N, C-alpha and C. Protein backbone atom coordinates (compact mmCIF):
# COMPACT_ATOMS: atom_id res chain seq x y z
N ALA A 1 -35.57 -9.80 6.54
CA ALA A 1 -36.63 -8.99 5.97
C ALA A 1 -36.08 -8.09 4.86
N SER A 2 -34.91 -7.49 5.08
CA SER A 2 -34.37 -6.59 4.06
C SER A 2 -33.68 -7.34 2.93
N ALA A 3 -33.46 -8.65 3.11
CA ALA A 3 -32.77 -9.43 2.09
C ALA A 3 -33.54 -9.49 0.79
N ASN A 4 -34.85 -9.46 0.87
CA ASN A 4 -35.67 -9.53 -0.34
C ASN A 4 -36.23 -8.17 -0.75
N ASN A 5 -35.76 -7.12 -0.14
CA ASN A 5 -36.24 -5.78 -0.43
C ASN A 5 -35.25 -5.09 -1.38
N PRO A 6 -35.58 -4.98 -2.67
CA PRO A 6 -34.65 -4.39 -3.65
C PRO A 6 -34.22 -2.97 -3.30
N GLN A 7 -35.13 -2.17 -2.75
CA GLN A 7 -34.77 -0.79 -2.40
C GLN A 7 -33.72 -0.78 -1.29
N ARG A 8 -33.88 -1.62 -0.31
CA ARG A 8 -32.94 -1.70 0.82
C ARG A 8 -31.56 -2.18 0.33
N ILE A 9 -31.57 -3.15 -0.57
CA ILE A 9 -30.31 -3.66 -1.13
C ILE A 9 -29.58 -2.56 -1.88
N GLU A 10 -30.30 -1.78 -2.68
CA GLU A 10 -29.69 -0.69 -3.46
C GLU A 10 -29.15 0.40 -2.53
N GLU A 11 -29.87 0.71 -1.45
CA GLU A 11 -29.39 1.71 -0.49
C GLU A 11 -28.08 1.26 0.15
N THR A 12 -27.96 -0.02 0.45
CA THR A 12 -26.74 -0.56 1.03
C THR A 12 -25.58 -0.45 0.05
N ARG A 13 -25.81 -0.75 -1.21
CA ARG A 13 -24.75 -0.64 -2.22
C ARG A 13 -24.26 0.79 -2.36
N LYS A 14 -25.14 1.74 -2.30
CA LYS A 14 -24.76 3.14 -2.48
C LYS A 14 -23.88 3.63 -1.33
N LYS A 15 -24.05 3.08 -0.14
CA LYS A 15 -23.28 3.53 1.02
C LYS A 15 -21.83 3.08 0.97
N LYS A 16 -21.58 1.95 0.33
CA LYS A 16 -20.23 1.41 0.31
C LYS A 16 -19.40 2.11 -0.75
N LYS A 17 -18.35 2.77 -0.31
CA LYS A 17 -17.43 3.43 -1.24
C LYS A 17 -16.10 2.71 -1.14
N VAL A 18 -15.81 1.94 -2.14
CA VAL A 18 -14.59 1.17 -2.17
C VAL A 18 -13.61 1.85 -3.11
N VAL A 19 -12.41 2.09 -2.62
CA VAL A 19 -11.37 2.68 -3.44
C VAL A 19 -10.85 1.60 -4.39
N PRO A 20 -10.76 1.90 -5.68
CA PRO A 20 -10.20 0.90 -6.59
C PRO A 20 -8.79 0.50 -6.15
N PHE A 21 -8.47 -0.78 -6.30
CA PHE A 21 -7.18 -1.30 -5.83
C PHE A 21 -6.01 -0.49 -6.38
N LYS A 22 -6.06 -0.13 -7.65
CA LYS A 22 -4.95 0.60 -8.29
C LYS A 22 -4.71 1.96 -7.62
N LYS A 23 -5.72 2.51 -6.98
CA LYS A 23 -5.57 3.82 -6.33
C LYS A 23 -5.43 3.72 -4.81
N SER A 24 -5.38 2.50 -4.30
CA SER A 24 -5.35 2.31 -2.85
C SER A 24 -3.91 2.25 -2.32
N ASP A 25 -3.78 2.36 -1.01
CA ASP A 25 -2.49 2.18 -0.37
C ASP A 25 -2.05 0.72 -0.42
N ARG A 26 -3.01 -0.19 -0.54
CA ARG A 26 -2.68 -1.62 -0.53
C ARG A 26 -1.73 -2.00 -1.66
N ILE A 27 -1.93 -1.42 -2.84
CA ILE A 27 -1.06 -1.76 -3.97
C ILE A 27 0.36 -1.28 -3.71
N VAL A 28 0.49 -0.12 -3.07
CA VAL A 28 1.82 0.41 -2.75
C VAL A 28 2.49 -0.47 -1.69
N ARG A 29 1.74 -0.84 -0.66
CA ARG A 29 2.28 -1.69 0.40
C ARG A 29 2.77 -3.02 -0.17
N GLY A 30 1.94 -3.62 -1.02
CA GLY A 30 2.31 -4.89 -1.63
C GLY A 30 3.54 -4.77 -2.50
N ALA A 31 3.62 -3.68 -3.26
CA ALA A 31 4.77 -3.47 -4.15
C ALA A 31 6.05 -3.30 -3.33
N ILE A 32 5.97 -2.59 -2.22
CA ILE A 32 7.15 -2.39 -1.36
C ILE A 32 7.66 -3.75 -0.86
N ILE A 33 6.76 -4.57 -0.35
CA ILE A 33 7.15 -5.88 0.17
C ILE A 33 7.72 -6.75 -0.97
N LYS A 34 7.08 -6.73 -2.11
CA LYS A 34 7.53 -7.54 -3.24
C LYS A 34 8.94 -7.14 -3.69
N ILE A 35 9.20 -5.84 -3.76
CA ILE A 35 10.53 -5.36 -4.15
C ILE A 35 11.57 -5.79 -3.12
N LEU A 36 11.23 -5.64 -1.83
CA LEU A 36 12.18 -6.00 -0.78
C LEU A 36 12.43 -7.50 -0.70
N MET A 37 11.48 -8.30 -1.15
CA MET A 37 11.69 -9.75 -1.18
C MET A 37 12.72 -10.12 -2.25
N LYS A 38 12.82 -9.32 -3.29
CA LYS A 38 13.80 -9.58 -4.35
C LYS A 38 15.17 -9.03 -3.97
N VAL A 39 15.19 -7.80 -3.47
CA VAL A 39 16.44 -7.15 -3.09
C VAL A 39 16.21 -6.46 -1.75
N ASN A 40 16.70 -7.06 -0.69
CA ASN A 40 16.50 -6.49 0.64
C ASN A 40 17.54 -5.40 0.89
N GLY A 41 17.12 -4.30 1.48
CA GLY A 41 18.04 -3.21 1.77
C GLY A 41 18.13 -2.21 0.63
N VAL A 42 16.99 -1.67 0.24
CA VAL A 42 16.92 -0.71 -0.85
C VAL A 42 16.78 0.69 -0.25
N SER A 43 17.41 1.67 -0.90
CA SER A 43 17.25 3.05 -0.42
C SER A 43 15.80 3.48 -0.65
N GLN A 44 15.33 4.39 0.17
CA GLN A 44 13.97 4.90 0.03
C GLN A 44 13.76 5.52 -1.34
N ASN A 45 14.76 6.26 -1.83
CA ASN A 45 14.64 6.90 -3.15
C ASN A 45 14.52 5.85 -4.26
N GLU A 46 15.32 4.79 -4.18
CA GLU A 46 15.27 3.73 -5.18
C GLU A 46 13.94 2.98 -5.10
N LEU A 47 13.47 2.74 -3.91
CA LEU A 47 12.19 2.07 -3.71
C LEU A 47 11.06 2.89 -4.32
N PHE A 48 11.08 4.19 -4.09
CA PHE A 48 10.07 5.09 -4.66
C PHE A 48 10.13 5.05 -6.19
N ARG A 49 11.34 5.07 -6.75
CA ARG A 49 11.50 5.03 -8.21
C ARG A 49 10.98 3.72 -8.78
N GLN A 50 11.29 2.60 -8.10
CA GLN A 50 10.85 1.30 -8.59
C GLN A 50 9.33 1.17 -8.57
N ILE A 51 8.70 1.75 -7.57
CA ILE A 51 7.24 1.73 -7.51
C ILE A 51 6.65 2.53 -8.65
N GLN A 52 7.25 3.66 -8.95
CA GLN A 52 6.78 4.45 -10.10
C GLN A 52 7.00 3.69 -11.40
N ASP A 53 8.09 2.95 -11.50
CA ASP A 53 8.36 2.14 -12.69
C ASP A 53 7.30 1.04 -12.88
N LEU A 54 6.66 0.65 -11.79
CA LEU A 54 5.58 -0.35 -11.86
C LEU A 54 4.25 0.30 -12.25
N ASP A 55 4.30 1.57 -12.63
CA ASP A 55 3.12 2.34 -13.02
C ASP A 55 2.17 2.55 -11.85
N ILE A 56 2.77 2.67 -10.66
CA ILE A 56 2.02 3.01 -9.45
C ILE A 56 2.48 4.40 -9.05
N HIS A 57 1.65 5.38 -9.27
CA HIS A 57 2.06 6.77 -9.06
C HIS A 57 1.39 7.34 -7.81
N ARG A 58 2.22 7.74 -6.88
CA ARG A 58 1.78 8.41 -5.65
C ARG A 58 2.71 9.58 -5.40
N GLU A 59 2.20 10.55 -4.67
CA GLU A 59 3.07 11.65 -4.25
C GLU A 59 4.06 11.09 -3.23
N GLU A 60 5.23 11.69 -3.19
CA GLU A 60 6.28 11.17 -2.30
C GLU A 60 5.85 11.20 -0.84
N GLU A 61 5.07 12.21 -0.44
CA GLU A 61 4.61 12.31 0.95
C GLU A 61 3.73 11.11 1.31
N ILE A 62 2.90 10.67 0.38
CA ILE A 62 2.04 9.52 0.62
C ILE A 62 2.88 8.26 0.72
N PHE A 63 3.87 8.12 -0.16
CA PHE A 63 4.79 6.98 -0.12
C PHE A 63 5.49 6.91 1.24
N VAL A 64 5.99 8.04 1.71
CA VAL A 64 6.71 8.09 2.99
C VAL A 64 5.78 7.70 4.14
N ARG A 65 4.52 8.15 4.09
CA ARG A 65 3.55 7.80 5.12
C ARG A 65 3.28 6.29 5.11
N ILE A 66 3.12 5.72 3.92
CA ILE A 66 2.87 4.28 3.82
C ILE A 66 4.06 3.50 4.36
N LEU A 67 5.26 3.95 4.04
CA LEU A 67 6.47 3.31 4.53
C LEU A 67 6.54 3.37 6.06
N ALA A 68 6.20 4.52 6.63
CA ALA A 68 6.19 4.67 8.09
C ALA A 68 5.15 3.76 8.73
N ASP A 69 3.99 3.62 8.09
CA ASP A 69 2.96 2.71 8.60
C ASP A 69 3.46 1.27 8.59
N LEU A 70 4.12 0.88 7.51
CA LEU A 70 4.67 -0.49 7.43
C LEU A 70 5.71 -0.73 8.53
N GLU A 71 6.50 0.30 8.83
CA GLU A 71 7.50 0.16 9.89
C GLU A 71 6.81 0.02 11.25
N LYS A 72 5.79 0.83 11.51
CA LYS A 72 5.06 0.75 12.78
C LYS A 72 4.44 -0.63 12.97
N GLU A 73 4.00 -1.23 11.86
CA GLU A 73 3.38 -2.55 11.92
C GLU A 73 4.40 -3.68 11.96
N GLY A 74 5.69 -3.34 11.88
CA GLY A 74 6.74 -4.34 11.97
C GLY A 74 6.97 -5.11 10.67
N LEU A 75 6.45 -4.61 9.56
CA LEU A 75 6.61 -5.31 8.29
C LEU A 75 7.88 -4.90 7.55
N VAL A 76 8.43 -3.73 7.87
CA VAL A 76 9.71 -3.30 7.31
C VAL A 76 10.51 -2.63 8.42
N GLN A 77 11.81 -2.52 8.19
CA GLN A 77 12.69 -1.77 9.09
C GLN A 77 13.37 -0.69 8.26
N ILE A 78 13.43 0.51 8.82
CA ILE A 78 14.12 1.60 8.15
C ILE A 78 15.35 1.93 8.97
N LYS A 79 16.50 1.81 8.32
CA LYS A 79 17.79 2.11 8.97
C LYS A 79 18.46 3.17 8.11
N GLY A 80 18.52 4.39 8.66
CA GLY A 80 19.03 5.50 7.87
C GLY A 80 18.07 5.78 6.73
N LYS A 81 18.55 5.70 5.52
CA LYS A 81 17.70 5.91 4.34
C LYS A 81 17.41 4.62 3.61
N ARG A 82 17.73 3.47 4.23
CA ARG A 82 17.53 2.18 3.57
C ARG A 82 16.36 1.43 4.25
N VAL A 83 15.68 0.62 3.44
CA VAL A 83 14.52 -0.11 3.92
C VAL A 83 14.81 -1.60 3.80
N PHE A 84 14.50 -2.35 4.85
CA PHE A 84 14.77 -3.78 4.92
C PHE A 84 13.52 -4.53 5.38
N LEU A 85 13.45 -5.79 5.02
CA LEU A 85 12.48 -6.69 5.64
C LEU A 85 13.05 -7.09 6.98
N PRO A 86 12.25 -7.16 8.02
CA PRO A 86 12.77 -7.50 9.35
C PRO A 86 13.31 -8.94 9.39
N GLY A 87 14.41 -9.10 10.10
CA GLY A 87 14.96 -10.41 10.31
C GLY A 87 15.75 -10.98 9.13
N LEU A 88 15.92 -10.21 8.08
CA LEU A 88 16.70 -10.72 6.94
C LEU A 88 17.99 -9.96 6.77
């Protein structure tokens, strides 16, 4: 019934707030994995610098939180101040 109702469709569109990819955590997560696939075992400071070099700018606290989330999910391992892909 609401599929053909233009007002209902517009109300649904207004409710969805999607963060642009460039400003999302997803781009940072992907960049971290991509960098580690090229050079496994990068220091956290170097990883942060490389992400900034890719024109992805985040505050360091946000970067650290994203890195911790990746570790909790088992996608990276942090040993000391270095970050690795698991099993490599």
